[in-house]
Protein backbone atom coordinates (compact mmCIF):
# COMPACT_ATOMS: atom_id res chain seq x y z
CA UNK A 1 43.55 94.33 -102.19
CA UNK A 2 41.91 94.89 -105.56
CA UNK A 3 40.27 98.28 -106.09
CA UNK A 4 37.14 99.19 -108.00
CA UNK A 5 38.86 100.98 -110.91
CA UNK A 6 41.34 98.09 -111.37
CA UNK A 7 38.60 95.42 -111.32
CA UNK A 8 36.42 97.46 -113.65
CA UNK A 9 39.22 98.13 -116.13
CA UNK A 10 40.32 94.51 -116.49
CA UNK A 11 36.74 93.45 -117.23
CA UNK A 12 36.19 96.35 -119.62
CA UNK A 13 39.38 95.49 -121.51
CA UNK A 14 38.33 91.87 -121.93
CA UNK A 15 34.74 92.63 -122.91
CA UNK A 16 35.99 95.38 -125.25
CA UNK A 17 37.67 92.74 -127.42
CA UNK A 18 34.21 91.53 -128.47
CA UNK A 19 31.96 94.55 -127.87
CA UNK A 20 32.78 97.97 -129.31
CA UNK A 21 31.40 100.98 -127.45
CA UNK A 22 28.53 100.77 -124.92
CA UNK A 23 30.87 101.90 -122.12
CA UNK A 24 28.08 103.30 -119.96
CA UNK A 25 26.01 100.12 -120.30
CA UNK A 26 29.00 97.94 -119.38
CA UNK A 27 29.62 100.01 -116.25
CA UNK A 28 25.97 99.63 -115.22
CA UNK A 29 26.19 95.86 -115.70
CA UNK A 30 29.22 95.76 -113.40
CA UNK A 31 27.32 97.85 -110.86
CA UNK A 32 24.45 95.35 -111.00
CA UNK A 33 26.85 92.46 -110.37
CA UNK A 34 28.24 94.20 -107.29
CA UNK A 35 24.78 95.20 -106.06
CA UNK A 36 23.36 91.70 -106.56
CA UNK A 37 20.68 92.94 -108.95
CA UNK A 38 19.09 91.86 -112.21
CA UNK A 39 19.14 93.98 -115.37
CA UNK A 40 16.67 94.54 -118.23
CA UNK A 41 18.24 95.78 -121.48
CA UNK A 42 15.97 97.39 -124.05
CA UNK A 43 17.07 98.24 -127.55
CA UNK A 44 16.58 97.61 -131.23
CA UNK A 45 17.76 94.31 -132.76
CA UNK A 46 21.40 94.15 -133.79
CA UNK A 47 22.82 96.34 -131.01
CA UNK A 48 24.86 93.48 -129.49
CA UNK A 49 22.75 93.09 -126.34
CA UNK A 50 23.13 89.31 -126.36
CA UNK A 51 26.81 89.49 -127.28
CA UNK A 52 27.43 91.95 -124.45
CA UNK A 53 25.87 89.73 -121.78
CA UNK A 54 27.56 86.61 -123.13
CA UNK A 55 30.92 88.40 -123.15
CA UNK A 56 30.35 89.56 -119.58
CA UNK A 57 29.70 85.98 -118.46
CA UNK A 58 32.88 84.76 -120.15
CA UNK A 59 35.01 87.56 -118.71
CA UNK A 60 33.58 86.91 -115.24
CA UNK A 61 34.39 83.22 -115.49
CA UNK A 62 30.92 82.16 -114.30
CA UNK A 63 28.49 79.57 -115.62
CA UNK A 64 26.41 81.15 -118.37
CA UNK A 65 23.11 79.97 -119.84
CA UNK A 66 20.96 81.53 -122.54
CA UNK A 67 17.19 81.01 -122.72
CA UNK A 68 15.40 82.11 -125.88
CA UNK A 69 11.93 83.13 -124.76
CA UNK A 70 9.12 82.19 -127.16
CA UNK A 71 5.30 82.10 -126.86
CA UNK A 72 5.32 78.29 -126.60
CA UNK A 73 7.94 78.16 -123.82
CA UNK A 74 6.92 76.20 -120.72
CA UNK A 75 7.97 76.80 -117.10
CA UNK A 76 9.70 73.40 -117.11
CA UNK A 77 11.87 74.60 -120.02
CA UNK A 78 13.27 77.23 -117.66
CA UNK A 79 13.38 75.72 -114.15
CA UNK A 80 13.42 72.00 -114.97
CA UNK A 81 11.08 69.09 -114.27
CA UNK A 82 10.73 65.64 -112.70
CA UNK A 83 11.71 62.75 -114.99
CA UNK A 84 10.44 59.20 -114.48
CA UNK A 85 13.09 56.49 -114.36
CA UNK A 86 11.80 53.08 -115.58
CA UNK A 87 14.77 51.32 -113.91
CA UNK A 88 13.81 52.02 -110.31
CA UNK A 89 10.29 53.34 -110.84
CA UNK A 90 11.14 56.67 -109.22
CA UNK A 91 11.37 60.28 -110.29
CA UNK A 92 14.59 62.24 -110.64
CA UNK A 93 14.97 66.01 -110.76
CA UNK A 94 16.19 67.42 -114.04
CA UNK A 95 17.40 70.97 -113.48
CA UNK A 96 16.78 73.56 -116.18
CA UNK A 97 19.01 76.31 -117.56
CA UNK A 98 18.03 78.66 -114.72
CA UNK A 99 20.63 76.83 -112.60
CA UNK A 100 23.51 79.01 -113.69
CA UNK A 101 25.32 82.06 -112.34
CA UNK A 102 24.39 84.34 -115.22
CA UNK A 103 21.17 83.66 -117.12
CA UNK A 104 20.36 85.54 -120.31
CA UNK A 105 16.59 85.78 -120.82
CA UNK A 106 16.58 86.73 -124.49
CA UNK A 107 13.44 88.57 -125.65
CA UNK A 108 11.87 88.05 -122.24
CA UNK A 109 8.58 89.67 -123.21
CA UNK A 110 7.78 86.87 -125.69
CA UNK A 111 6.99 84.31 -122.96
CA UNK A 112 3.48 83.88 -121.48
CA UNK A 113 2.44 84.53 -117.89
CA UNK A 114 3.16 81.02 -116.58
CA UNK A 115 6.81 81.27 -117.59
CA UNK A 116 7.09 84.77 -116.13
CA UNK A 117 5.66 83.56 -112.82
CA UNK A 118 8.26 80.78 -112.67
CA UNK A 119 10.98 83.34 -113.33
CA UNK A 120 9.65 85.58 -110.54
CA UNK A 121 10.53 83.10 -107.81
CA UNK A 122 14.04 82.66 -109.18
CA UNK A 123 14.65 86.40 -109.38
CA UNK A 124 13.32 87.28 -105.94
CA UNK A 125 13.95 84.23 -103.71
CA UNK A 126 16.85 82.89 -105.78
CA UNK A 127 15.33 79.45 -105.63
CA UNK A 128 12.96 77.39 -107.78
CA UNK A 129 10.34 74.80 -106.96
CA UNK A 130 10.36 71.53 -108.88
CA UNK A 131 7.96 68.75 -107.97
CA UNK A 132 7.07 70.44 -104.69
CA UNK A 133 10.70 70.71 -103.57
CA UNK A 134 12.67 73.95 -103.37
CA UNK A 135 16.13 74.11 -104.92
CA UNK A 136 18.56 76.91 -104.12
CA UNK A 137 20.16 78.58 -107.14
CA UNK A 138 23.95 78.94 -107.34
CA UNK A 139 25.74 82.01 -105.98
CA UNK A 140 26.14 84.51 -107.48
CA UNK A 141 22.93 84.46 -109.52
CA UNK A 142 21.79 87.09 -112.01
CA UNK A 143 19.10 87.40 -114.65
CA UNK A 144 19.94 89.74 -117.50
CA UNK A 145 17.05 90.08 -119.91
CA UNK A 146 16.59 91.74 -123.29
CA UNK A 147 13.53 93.06 -125.06
CA UNK A 148 12.67 94.92 -128.26
CA UNK A 149 10.98 98.29 -127.62
CA UNK A 150 9.01 98.49 -130.89
CA UNK A 151 7.89 94.98 -131.83
CA UNK A 152 4.55 94.17 -130.18
CA UNK A 153 3.20 91.23 -132.20
CA UNK A 154 3.62 87.96 -130.32
CA UNK A 155 4.76 89.67 -127.12
CA UNK A 156 3.39 89.83 -123.58
CA UNK A 157 3.96 93.03 -121.60
CA UNK A 158 5.94 92.30 -118.45
CA UNK A 159 3.86 92.72 -115.28
CA UNK A 160 4.86 95.53 -112.93
CA UNK A 161 5.66 92.98 -110.22
CA UNK A 162 8.36 91.56 -112.46
CA UNK A 163 9.84 94.76 -113.88
CA UNK A 164 10.13 96.06 -110.32
CA UNK A 165 12.48 93.19 -109.54
CA UNK A 166 15.05 94.46 -112.04
CA UNK A 167 17.67 96.71 -110.47
CA UNK A 168 18.15 98.63 -113.73
CA UNK A 169 16.39 99.08 -117.02
CA UNK A 170 19.09 100.10 -119.48
CA UNK A 171 18.41 101.66 -122.87
CA UNK A 172 20.89 100.43 -125.47
CA UNK A 173 21.39 103.00 -128.24
CA UNK A 174 22.96 102.87 -131.69
CA UNK A 175 26.77 103.08 -131.91
CA UNK A 176 28.56 106.15 -133.21
CA UNK A 177 29.78 106.28 -136.80
CA UNK A 178 33.36 105.64 -135.64
CA UNK A 179 32.33 102.62 -133.56
CA UNK A 180 30.24 101.19 -136.39
CA UNK A 181 33.12 101.60 -138.83
CA UNK A 182 35.40 99.76 -136.40
CA UNK A 183 32.84 96.95 -136.17
CA UNK A 184 33.00 96.42 -139.93
CA UNK A 185 36.79 96.30 -139.84
CA UNK A 186 36.90 93.86 -136.92
CA UNK A 187 34.02 91.56 -137.77
CA UNK A 188 34.61 91.59 -141.52
CA UNK A 189 37.20 88.85 -141.06
CA UNK A 190 36.38 85.70 -139.13
CA UNK A 191 40.03 85.29 -138.13
CA UNK A 192 39.88 88.58 -136.20
CA UNK A 193 37.03 87.52 -133.92
CA UNK A 194 38.63 87.16 -130.46
CA UNK A 195 38.24 84.37 -127.93
CA UNK A 196 37.64 85.95 -124.53
CA UNK A 197 39.26 84.72 -121.33
CA UNK A 198 38.04 84.75 -117.74
CA UNK A 199 39.67 87.61 -115.82
CA UNK A 200 37.53 87.36 -112.68
CA UNK A 201 35.35 84.79 -110.90
CA UNK A 202 32.16 84.41 -108.96
CA UNK A 203 34.12 83.88 -105.75
CA UNK A 204 36.02 87.12 -106.31
CA UNK A 205 32.77 88.98 -106.93
CA UNK A 206 31.30 87.73 -103.64
CA UNK A 207 34.42 88.90 -101.81
CA UNK A 208 34.32 92.35 -103.42
CA UNK A 209 30.81 92.97 -102.16
CA UNK A 210 32.19 93.41 -98.64
CA UNK A 211 34.17 96.40 -99.93
CA UNK A 212 31.02 97.81 -101.53
CA UNK A 213 29.16 97.44 -98.24
CA UNK A 214 31.85 99.56 -96.57
CA UNK A 215 31.10 102.60 -98.77
CA UNK A 216 29.84 105.40 -96.54
CA UNK A 217 26.41 106.90 -97.15
CA UNK A 218 25.81 110.13 -95.22
CA UNK A 219 22.38 110.68 -93.62
CA UNK A 220 21.84 113.66 -95.94
CA UNK A 221 22.41 111.51 -99.03
CA UNK A 222 20.14 108.79 -97.67
CA UNK A 223 17.45 111.42 -97.11
CA UNK A 224 18.03 112.68 -100.68
CA UNK A 225 17.42 109.19 -102.07
CA UNK A 226 14.23 108.91 -100.06
CA UNK A 227 13.05 112.35 -101.21
CA UNK A 228 13.61 111.46 -104.89
CA UNK A 229 11.62 108.25 -104.69
CA UNK A 230 8.79 109.78 -102.66
CA UNK A 231 8.63 112.70 -105.08
CA UNK A 232 7.70 110.27 -107.84
CA UNK A 233 4.80 109.07 -105.69
CA UNK A 234 3.70 112.66 -105.11
CA UNK A 235 3.47 113.15 -108.89
CA UNK A 236 1.22 110.09 -109.09
CA UNK A 237 -0.97 111.39 -106.25
CA UNK A 238 -1.70 114.74 -107.89
CA UNK A 239 -5.41 115.30 -108.49
CA UNK A 240 -6.59 115.66 -112.06
CA UNK A 241 -7.78 119.10 -113.18
CA UNK A 242 -5.35 120.97 -110.97
CA UNK A 243 -2.66 123.43 -111.90
CA UNK A 244 -0.58 120.65 -113.36
CA UNK A 245 -1.68 117.51 -115.15
CA UNK A 246 -1.34 114.12 -113.53
CA UNK A 247 1.62 112.49 -115.23
CA UNK A 248 1.97 109.18 -113.37
CA UNK A 249 -0.47 106.44 -112.48
CA UNK A 250 1.89 105.16 -109.81
CA UNK A 251 5.27 106.12 -108.42
CA UNK A 252 8.32 104.07 -107.52
CA UNK A 253 8.17 101.36 -104.86
CA UNK A 254 10.53 100.99 -101.88
CA UNK A 255 12.66 98.76 -104.10
CA UNK A 256 13.65 101.96 -105.91
CA UNK A 257 15.11 103.39 -102.70
CA UNK A 258 17.05 100.18 -102.11
CA UNK A 259 18.23 100.16 -105.72
CA UNK A 260 19.57 103.72 -105.53
CA UNK A 261 21.24 103.00 -102.20
CA UNK A 262 22.88 99.70 -103.19
CA UNK A 263 23.74 100.59 -106.78
CA UNK A 264 25.02 104.00 -105.71
CA UNK A 265 27.54 102.42 -103.33
CA UNK A 266 28.62 99.98 -106.03
CA UNK A 267 29.14 102.81 -108.53
CA UNK A 268 31.12 104.80 -105.96
CA UNK A 269 33.38 101.78 -105.35
CA UNK A 270 33.92 101.28 -109.08
CA UNK A 271 34.92 104.93 -109.42
CA UNK A 272 37.40 104.64 -106.53
CA UNK A 273 35.41 106.76 -104.05
CA UNK A 274 34.84 105.81 -100.43
CA UNK A 275 31.48 107.57 -100.07
CA UNK A 276 28.26 108.02 -102.05
CA UNK A 277 27.71 111.53 -103.41
CA UNK A 278 24.42 113.08 -104.64
CA UNK A 279 25.96 113.35 -108.12
CA UNK A 280 26.33 109.56 -108.33
CA UNK A 281 22.73 109.11 -107.17
CA UNK A 282 21.58 111.42 -109.95
CA UNK A 283 23.69 109.51 -112.46
CA UNK A 284 21.90 106.20 -111.87
CA UNK A 285 18.50 107.71 -111.06
CA UNK A 286 16.91 107.16 -114.49
CA UNK A 287 18.28 103.63 -114.88
CA UNK A 288 16.88 102.61 -111.48
CA UNK A 289 13.45 104.23 -111.80
CA UNK A 290 12.36 104.40 -115.46
CA UNK A 291 10.73 100.96 -115.22
CA UNK A 292 9.18 101.55 -111.79
CA UNK A 293 6.81 104.41 -112.71
CA UNK A 294 3.64 104.18 -114.77
CA UNK A 295 2.78 106.97 -117.19
CA UNK A 296 -0.78 108.17 -117.55
CA UNK A 297 -2.55 108.21 -120.91
CA UNK A 298 -2.33 112.01 -120.93
CA UNK A 299 1.45 111.93 -120.45
CA UNK A 300 1.90 109.42 -123.27
CA UNK A 301 -0.41 111.46 -125.54
CA UNK A 302 1.82 114.49 -125.00
CA UNK A 303 4.86 112.46 -126.05
CA UNK A 304 6.37 112.38 -122.58
CA UNK A 305 8.64 109.52 -121.56
CA UNK A 306 9.52 108.15 -118.14
CA UNK A 307 12.95 109.80 -118.41
CA UNK A 308 11.44 113.25 -119.08
CA UNK A 309 9.16 112.95 -116.07
CA UNK A 310 12.03 111.77 -113.90
CA UNK A 311 13.94 114.86 -115.02
CA UNK A 312 11.18 116.88 -113.39
CA UNK A 313 11.61 114.87 -110.19
CA UNK A 314 15.32 115.68 -110.14
CA UNK A 315 14.64 119.40 -110.67
CA UNK A 316 12.03 119.69 -107.94
CA UNK A 317 14.00 117.76 -105.29
CA UNK A 318 16.58 119.87 -103.39
CA UNK A 319 20.14 118.53 -103.45
CA UNK A 320 21.83 118.34 -100.04
CA UNK A 321 24.48 120.99 -99.60
CA UNK A 322 26.94 118.61 -97.98
CA UNK A 323 27.25 114.87 -98.52
């Protein structure tokens, strides 16, 4: 029986041939695969977000499709459409690129509301509607999206209903000087660019989820997850003009509790543990909640970020003494 550390390491080794660094982001992507969740990656251009997701799809041995989101994109460009056949006078279904195991939504915030609404059904119900008929998407199915945090011209802010459907929002940072130097050495010669191989499969991933489901979560840890999420709502409910300023317009939804629970078990399995500890919950807390809370104008004016406010939530929530 394959273990979490073994499965993780073989995928890391394969992806590492194309992507240098970003170890924490890679681990979170593997957690999302095991937890059956979508991921939003945010970072400046040139940080290998697209290369990372493409390399993950190749290493997993699943069908991969890339959709470049643009302001003129139509829903039919994503999900597909009905095509008229002059031969028999009927209509045939032409399936779009969404019918893949791993879909890269590149620069997702550049598409208008109609495209985002079409993507919502695929992300939540894992099906799409074409010509009035519902079509089930392949299993496993994941959407991994990218967006630029600074460029606003020609973009459409993602609605909260959509961002809430992402398991994680990951912040991709610049590489270290050593990693960047290694990139120049490796990518400076075309002959050194590796061809990745599949070291896993979609079928294997589906089987491994049963092991993740067997990870024990103690009642105290489950209560800790609930307390963290509800604490974010308490911050949003604080009255203005009190002892402390109101920092959040809204707190995290119940999907945040599910995300911490499911992703926490997946992370525990990857690390070789058979139970979920409070430390692992804290480790994924920011990734699972930073996109599920809404900052007030006052908080943004003071230069606060979602992560800084979530730090306050962690401090004010008691950690269970025993897991």
